[in-house]
Amino acid sequence: MERQGEWGGNATLLAAANAYGRTLHIVSAPEPGSTYYTEVAPDSQADGGDDVWLAYLDGNHYRATRLLD
């Protein structure tokens, strides 16, 4: 996850949540008409800052997102 083109799985997501002290929210649409949501919480939350929202695309790629106002 440090460089473009690198990726990881659930252990990497938990490590990132812990490193940044942020909750990760992951959303996807695995097939038309369905949605999936999960949350990865850090062991301890850092003060201030926003949670991180990610889209899980095509079963193999994560992309940073933002909430629409």
Protein backbone atom coordinates (compact mmCIF):
# COMPACT_ATOMS: atom_id res chain seq x y z
CA MET A 1 0.00 0.00 0.00
CA GLU A 2 3.01 2.27 0.23
CA ARG A 3 3.40 2.59 -3.55
CA GLN A 4 1.06 2.69 -6.53
CA GLY A 5 0.27 -0.77 -7.82
CA GLU A 6 0.64 -2.52 -4.45
CA TRP A 7 -2.28 -3.92 -2.51
CA GLY A 8 -3.09 -6.02 0.51
CA GLY A 9 -5.92 -7.89 2.20
CA ASN A 10 -7.75 -7.74 5.51
CA ALA A 11 -4.56 -7.85 7.60
CA THR A 12 -3.24 -4.83 5.67
CA LEU A 13 -6.51 -2.93 6.24
CA LEU A 14 -6.34 -3.59 9.98
CA ALA A 15 -2.68 -2.54 10.05
CA ALA A 16 -3.56 0.71 8.24
CA ALA A 17 -6.45 1.41 10.64
CA ASN A 18 -4.10 0.90 13.60
CA ALA A 19 -1.24 2.91 12.07
CA TYR A 20 -3.46 5.94 11.41
CA GLY A 21 -5.83 5.47 14.33
CA ARG A 22 -8.81 5.77 12.00
CA THR A 23 -11.85 3.62 11.32
CA LEU A 24 -11.96 2.33 7.74
CA HIS A 25 -15.36 2.01 6.06
CA ILE A 26 -15.38 -0.28 3.02
CA VAL A 27 -18.26 -0.32 0.53
CA SER A 28 -18.76 -2.33 -2.64
CA ALA A 29 -21.39 -3.59 -5.04
CA PRO A 30 -20.32 -7.19 -5.75
CA GLU A 31 -23.12 -7.68 -8.27
CA PRO A 32 -25.78 -5.45 -9.80
CA GLY A 33 -28.45 -4.52 -7.28
CA SER A 34 -26.48 -5.60 -4.21
CA THR A 35 -24.30 -3.67 -1.79
CA TYR A 36 -21.78 -4.59 0.87
CA TYR A 37 -20.49 -2.56 3.81
CA THR A 38 -17.93 -3.41 6.47
CA GLU A 39 -15.96 -1.45 8.99
CA VAL A 40 -12.39 -1.98 10.24
CA ALA A 41 -11.84 -0.28 13.60
CA PRO A 42 -8.39 0.45 15.04
CA ASP A 43 -7.36 -0.81 18.46
CA SER A 44 -7.35 2.85 19.61
CA GLN A 45 -8.84 5.87 17.84
CA ALA A 46 -6.57 8.90 17.24
CA ASP A 47 -7.86 12.31 18.35
CA GLY A 48 -9.35 14.45 15.58
CA GLY A 49 -9.43 13.65 11.90
CA ASP A 50 -11.97 11.88 9.75
CA ASP A 51 -12.68 8.22 9.18
CA VAL A 52 -11.41 6.76 5.91
CA TRP A 53 -13.90 5.55 3.28
CA LEU A 54 -12.80 3.02 0.65
CA ALA A 55 -14.55 1.45 -2.31
CA TYR A 56 -13.69 -2.18 -3.03
CA LEU A 57 -13.84 -2.54 -6.81
CA ASP A 58 -14.07 -5.69 -8.93
CA GLY A 59 -13.00 -7.90 -6.03
CA ASN A 60 -9.35 -6.86 -6.22
CA HIS A 61 -8.84 -3.09 -5.89
CA TYR A 62 -9.41 -0.45 -3.21
CA ARG A 63 -9.99 3.22 -4.01
CA ALA A 64 -10.29 6.15 -1.60
CA THR A 65 -13.68 7.85 -1.66
CA ARG A 66 -15.51 10.67 0.09
CA LEU A 67 -19.06 11.14 1.29
CA LEU A 68 -21.30 13.30 -0.85
CA ASP A 69 -22.82 16.29 0.89
